[in-house]
Amino acid sequence: MKKKIFVLLSFLMILPVVVSASENYVNYNGIEMSEEEYSNLLELGFDEEEIYYLSLEEFTNNKDLVGNLEATTTRYFAHIVRYSATGQIISESDMEITEDSYNNEVVMPRGDGYIETTYKQMRTTISKVNSLYRYKVSLTWKQMPSTRSYDIIGIGFEPIVSVDGNLVFSQNYCVSTSCTSSSARNNSYQGLNGAGVSFKLPTSTSITTLSSYFYFNVRKYNSDDTITSMLAYGDYSHATSTISSGSATLYYVNQAGIMLSDSIRSYYDTMPTADAYWTGTW
């Protein structure tokens, strides 16, 4: 049988390579996975890069779960900072772009002075996991953000469901050739219509990759109800100015996404939610 392993090149792009004579996948942390375990992780909403950096704890918690990926939505964004000829910031904005523009880094420049653009993608999934469903959101930076303070990631949901179990968060990043997966968070929020975490971005100037994900299982709010559709509202708020750890807790999450207190709204960018839509019978 052939296996797919991942090779980390000098510029830290992850490419699948097929080799022979083994039945297992091996990720960055040296975790060997059977094809069935690898497939299970994909069905739970993990992408190939997340599986590559998966920690032993996360692998152990998920490898034997039988899931089915039933809804997924990915949106692509460019964060544009427009400077004057003297180097002053004139404006900052997020613009949704196509996947092709994201892959080719095509964004139209605006105005005088110069433009600084960073790219990111957000992916929201819904997976069936035994008798429950899992909502998951992932945010991947293509270029590293210049401001590294406290960001927020979250998922809003309809009142037909509620959180079942733990809120799981992971931030993955590489500094030079050394990569880290961290579950450290500044705070957690769980409400009637959403959940989220705030967390500190790594500050090293040598970061070459940066991503994060957040997920939780949901159950029916009323166990006797029959649900025929669900929406998971994945969202991410990036701090464009330095903010304190305490101030970064002044938010909540609902069906509109991450809702920031008036006192901190100006510290963060604005992105539309990536909504995963599921239909069926539950």
Protein backbone atom coordinates (compact mmCIF):
# COMPACT_ATOMS: atom_id res chain seq x y z
CA MET A 1 0.00 0.00 0.00
CA LYS A 2 1.12 3.55 -0.63
CA LYS A 3 1.04 6.39 1.83
CA LYS A 4 1.05 10.15 1.60
CA ILE A 5 3.54 11.98 3.81
CA PHE A 6 4.27 15.68 4.05
CA VAL A 7 7.60 17.28 3.24
CA LEU A 8 8.44 20.65 4.82
CA LEU A 9 10.41 22.66 2.31
CA SER A 10 12.80 25.46 3.17
CA PHE A 11 10.11 28.08 2.56
CA LEU A 12 7.64 26.04 4.66
CA MET A 13 5.10 25.17 2.02
CA ILE A 14 3.49 21.81 2.71
CA LEU A 15 3.22 19.46 -0.22
CA PRO A 16 1.88 15.91 -0.29
CA VAL A 17 4.27 13.31 -1.62
CA VAL A 18 3.39 9.70 -2.41
CA VAL A 19 5.86 7.01 -1.42
CA SER A 20 5.57 3.26 -1.13
CA ALA A 21 6.10 0.51 1.42
CA SER A 22 4.14 1.83 4.38
CA GLU A 23 0.53 2.00 5.47
CA ASN A 24 0.75 5.07 7.71
CA TYR A 25 0.73 8.83 7.40
CA VAL A 26 3.30 10.77 9.42
CA ASN A 27 2.78 14.40 10.42
CA TYR A 28 5.17 17.12 11.63
CA ASN A 29 5.00 15.89 15.24
CA GLY A 30 5.91 12.35 14.21
CA ILE A 31 2.39 11.00 14.73
CA GLU A 32 1.66 8.00 12.54
CA MET A 33 -1.89 7.71 11.27
CA SER A 34 -3.64 4.97 9.39
CA GLU A 35 -5.54 5.88 6.25
CA GLU A 36 -8.78 5.39 8.15
CA GLU A 37 -7.68 7.73 10.94
CA TYR A 38 -6.54 10.34 8.43
CA SER A 39 -9.85 10.10 6.60
CA ASN A 40 -11.75 10.44 9.88
CA LEU A 41 -9.93 13.70 10.60
CA LEU A 42 -10.84 15.13 7.19
CA GLU A 43 -14.48 14.23 7.78
CA LEU A 44 -14.35 16.06 11.13
CA GLY A 45 -13.45 19.28 9.30
CA PHE A 46 -9.65 19.27 9.68
CA ASP A 47 -7.78 20.27 6.54
CA GLU A 48 -4.46 18.78 5.42
CA GLU A 49 -2.35 21.52 7.01
CA GLU A 50 -4.16 21.18 10.35
CA ILE A 51 -3.62 17.43 10.30
CA TYR A 52 0.06 18.03 9.51
CA TYR A 53 0.49 20.11 12.69
CA LEU A 54 -1.96 18.12 14.84
CA SER A 55 -0.79 17.53 18.40
CA LEU A 56 -0.84 14.11 20.01
CA GLU A 57 -3.65 15.18 22.34
CA GLU A 58 -5.84 16.40 19.47
CA PHE A 59 -5.08 13.29 17.44
CA THR A 60 -5.94 11.01 20.36
CA ASN A 61 -9.21 12.85 21.01
CA ASN A 62 -10.36 12.62 17.39
CA LYS A 63 -8.76 9.67 15.63
CA ASP A 64 -11.46 7.13 16.49
CA LEU A 65 -14.45 9.37 15.94
CA VAL A 66 -16.56 8.47 12.93
CA GLY A 67 -17.59 11.71 11.29
CA ASN A 68 -19.12 12.86 8.05
CA LEU A 69 -18.33 16.30 6.62
CA GLU A 70 -21.72 17.61 5.50
CA ALA A 71 -21.30 21.37 4.93
CA THR A 72 -18.35 23.64 4.24
CA THR A 73 -17.89 27.29 3.23
CA THR A 74 -14.61 29.08 2.53
CA ARG A 75 -14.20 32.84 2.06
CA TYR A 76 -11.08 34.78 1.08
CA PHE A 77 -10.12 38.28 2.23
CA ALA A 78 -7.51 40.93 1.66
CA HIS A 79 -6.76 43.36 4.49
CA ILE A 80 -5.73 46.61 2.85
CA VAL A 81 -3.88 49.41 4.62
CA ARG A 82 -3.61 52.60 2.59
CA TYR A 83 -0.78 54.99 3.44
CA SER A 84 -0.18 58.60 2.44
CA ALA A 85 2.98 59.67 0.66
CA THR A 86 4.40 60.59 4.07
CA GLY A 87 3.72 57.16 5.55
CA GLN A 88 0.59 57.97 7.58
CA ILE A 89 -2.26 55.45 7.62
CA ILE A 90 -5.20 56.86 5.68
CA SER A 91 -7.56 53.91 5.93
CA GLU A 92 -7.81 50.18 6.69
CA SER A 93 -10.41 47.82 5.29
CA ASP A 94 -11.13 44.17 4.57
CA MET A 95 -12.20 43.25 1.08
CA GLU A 96 -13.57 39.88 0.06
CA ILE A 97 -11.76 38.48 -2.97
CA THR A 98 -12.04 35.39 -5.15
CA GLU A 99 -10.07 32.23 -4.57
CA ASP A 100 -8.11 32.96 -7.75
CA SER A 101 -7.19 36.44 -6.50
CA TYR A 102 -6.18 34.93 -3.16
CA ASN A 103 -3.95 32.33 -4.80
CA ASN A 104 -2.39 34.90 -7.13
CA GLU A 105 -2.38 37.79 -4.65
CA VAL A 106 -4.30 40.08 -6.99
CA VAL A 107 -5.77 43.16 -5.29
CA MET A 108 -6.39 46.47 -7.02
CA PRO A 109 -4.35 49.32 -5.50
CA ARG A 110 -6.18 52.44 -4.34
CA GLY A 111 -5.29 56.11 -4.17
CA ASP A 112 -1.93 57.79 -3.65
CA GLY A 113 0.96 56.71 -1.45
CA TYR A 114 1.33 52.98 -1.12
CA ILE A 115 -0.69 49.92 -0.17
CA GLU A 116 0.08 47.12 2.31
CA THR A 117 -2.01 44.00 1.78
CA THR A 118 -2.27 40.82 3.82
CA TYR A 119 -4.38 37.84 2.80
CA LYS A 120 -6.36 35.36 4.87
CA GLN A 121 -8.94 32.67 4.35
CA MET A 122 -11.73 31.53 6.66
CA ARG A 123 -13.40 28.13 6.46
CA THR A 124 -16.46 26.95 8.38
CA THR A 125 -17.63 23.33 8.45
CA ILE A 126 -20.43 21.21 9.87
CA SER A 127 -19.75 17.52 10.45
CA LYS A 128 -21.94 14.77 11.82
CA VAL A 129 -20.21 13.04 14.75
CA ASN A 130 -22.12 10.02 15.99
CA SER A 131 -25.45 11.43 17.29
CA LEU A 132 -24.18 15.04 17.45
CA TYR A 133 -22.86 17.66 15.03
CA ARG A 134 -19.59 19.57 15.11
CA TYR A 135 -19.22 23.23 14.17
CA LYS A 136 -15.69 24.29 13.23
CA VAL A 137 -14.04 27.47 11.92
CA SER A 138 -10.46 27.89 10.69
CA LEU A 139 -8.47 31.03 9.83
CA THR A 140 -5.25 30.87 7.81
CA TRP A 141 -2.94 33.81 7.10
CA LYS A 142 -1.17 33.84 3.76
CA GLN A 143 1.05 36.74 4.83
CA MET A 144 1.74 37.50 8.45
CA PRO A 145 -0.23 40.41 9.96
CA SER A 146 1.87 43.37 11.02
CA THR A 147 -0.06 43.84 14.30
CA ARG A 148 0.16 40.91 16.75
CA SER A 149 -2.11 41.48 19.70
CA TYR A 150 -5.24 39.65 20.91
CA ASP A 151 -7.44 38.21 18.16
CA ILE A 152 -10.87 36.58 18.52
CA ILE A 153 -12.30 33.53 16.76
CA GLY A 154 -15.85 32.27 17.19
CA ILE A 155 -18.96 30.59 15.81
CA GLY A 156 -22.53 31.77 16.12
CA PHE A 157 -25.45 29.35 15.99
CA GLU A 158 -29.22 29.26 15.97
CA PRO A 159 -31.24 28.71 19.16
CA ILE A 160 -32.24 25.25 17.92
CA VAL A 161 -28.89 23.89 19.17
CA SER A 162 -26.59 24.35 22.16
CA VAL A 163 -22.95 23.57 22.90
CA ASP A 164 -22.25 20.01 24.03
CA GLY A 165 -18.89 19.46 25.72
CA ASN A 166 -15.68 21.47 25.54
CA LEU A 167 -14.67 24.42 23.40
CA VAL A 168 -11.53 23.37 21.52
CA PHE A 169 -9.00 25.91 20.22
CA SER A 170 -5.60 25.57 18.60
CA GLN A 171 -3.13 28.07 17.14
CA ASN A 172 -0.45 26.73 14.80
CA TYR A 173 2.61 28.68 13.74
CA CYS A 174 6.19 28.20 12.57
CA VAL A 175 9.20 30.30 13.48
CA SER A 176 11.92 29.51 10.97
CA THR A 177 11.80 25.67 10.84
CA SER A 178 10.37 25.12 14.34
CA CYS A 179 6.58 24.77 14.52
CA THR A 180 4.22 24.99 17.51
CA SER A 181 0.62 24.00 18.20
CA SER A 182 -0.79 25.84 21.19
CA SER A 183 -4.19 25.69 22.88
CA ALA A 184 -3.41 28.74 25.07
CA ARG A 185 -6.22 31.28 25.13
CA ASN A 186 -6.85 34.61 26.78
CA ASN A 187 -10.47 33.84 27.56
CA SER A 188 -13.44 31.71 26.45
CA TYR A 189 -17.00 32.84 25.82
CA GLN A 190 -20.04 30.57 25.67
CA GLY A 191 -23.54 31.95 25.26
CA LEU A 192 -27.00 30.92 24.08
CA ASN A 193 -26.24 31.73 20.44
CA GLY A 194 -22.50 31.42 20.07
CA ALA A 195 -19.08 30.69 21.48
CA GLY A 196 -15.57 31.98 20.97
CA VAL A 197 -12.09 32.55 22.37
CA SER A 198 -9.65 35.44 22.41
CA PHE A 199 -5.96 34.62 22.15
CA LYS A 200 -2.54 36.21 21.77
CA LEU A 201 -0.80 36.08 18.43
CA PRO A 202 2.91 35.16 18.52
CA THR A 203 5.10 38.24 18.19
CA SER A 204 8.24 36.83 16.57
CA THR A 205 9.30 38.63 13.39
CA SER A 206 10.46 35.28 11.95
CA ILE A 207 7.01 33.66 11.72
CA THR A 208 6.50 31.94 8.39
CA THR A 209 3.07 30.29 8.87
CA LEU A 210 0.15 31.20 11.11
CA SER A 211 -3.32 29.69 11.47
CA SER A 212 -5.91 28.86 14.11
CA TYR A 213 -9.06 26.80 14.48
CA PHE A 214 -11.94 26.53 16.92
CA TYR A 215 -14.67 23.93 17.24
CA PHE A 216 -17.29 22.38 19.47
CA ASN A 217 -20.06 19.81 19.24
CA VAL A 218 -23.72 20.79 19.37
CA ARG A 219 -26.82 18.96 20.49
CA LYS A 220 -30.50 19.79 20.00
CA TYR A 221 -31.72 22.49 22.33
CA ASN A 222 -34.99 20.56 22.63
CA SER A 223 -34.31 16.85 22.30
CA ASP A 224 -37.79 16.10 20.89
CA ASP A 225 -37.46 18.56 17.99
CA THR A 226 -36.78 17.48 14.41
CA ILE A 227 -34.19 19.75 12.80
CA THR A 228 -34.11 20.04 9.00
CA SER A 229 -31.55 22.84 8.55
CA MET A 230 -28.71 24.45 10.50
CA LEU A 231 -26.29 27.33 10.04
CA ALA A 232 -22.86 27.75 11.62
CA TYR A 233 -21.65 31.37 11.47
CA GLY A 234 -17.85 31.26 11.54
CA ASP A 235 -16.14 34.56 12.33
CA TYR A 236 -12.74 36.08 13.13
CA SER A 237 -11.75 39.52 14.46
CA HIS A 238 -8.15 40.62 13.99
CA ALA A 239 -6.74 43.38 16.22
CA THR A 240 -5.28 46.07 13.97
CA SER A 241 -4.08 48.02 17.04
CA THR A 242 -2.49 46.78 20.25
CA ILE A 243 -5.14 45.96 22.85
CA SER A 244 -4.90 44.74 26.43
CA SER A 245 -5.80 41.20 27.43
CA GLY A 246 -8.65 42.47 29.59
CA SER A 247 -10.17 44.62 26.85
CA ALA A 248 -9.97 41.68 24.43
CA THR A 249 -12.62 39.87 26.52
CA LEU A 250 -15.29 42.51 25.82
CA TYR A 251 -17.18 40.62 23.13
CA TYR A 252 -19.88 38.04 22.65
CA VAL A 253 -20.90 35.79 19.76
CA ASN A 254 -24.29 35.28 18.12
CA GLN A 255 -25.81 34.65 14.70
CA ALA A 256 -24.28 37.89 13.44
CA GLY A 257 -20.82 36.63 14.39
CA ILE A 258 -18.41 38.25 16.87
CA MET A 259 -19.97 41.30 18.48
CA LEU A 260 -17.47 43.76 19.93
CA SER A 261 -18.11 46.22 22.74
CA ASP A 262 -18.21 49.86 21.60
CA SER A 263 -15.06 50.49 23.64
CA ILE A 264 -12.94 48.08 21.55
CA ARG A 265 -14.62 48.11 18.13
CA SER A 266 -12.08 50.51 16.65
CA TYR A 267 -9.23 48.16 17.58
CA TYR A 268 -10.43 45.40 15.23
CA ASP A 269 -11.01 44.85 11.55
CA THR A 270 -14.38 43.76 10.19
CA MET A 271 -15.04 40.63 8.15
CA PRO A 272 -18.30 39.03 7.10
CA THR A 273 -19.02 35.61 8.55
CA ALA A 274 -18.40 32.39 6.63
CA ASP A 275 -21.70 30.55 7.00
CA ALA A 276 -21.84 26.76 6.63
CA TYR A 277 -25.39 25.66 5.77
CA TRP A 278 -26.66 22.15 6.44
CA THR A 279 -29.94 20.54 5.39
CA GLY A 280 -31.21 17.10 6.30
CA THR A 281 -33.18 15.41 9.05
CA TRP A 282 -31.92 15.24 12.61
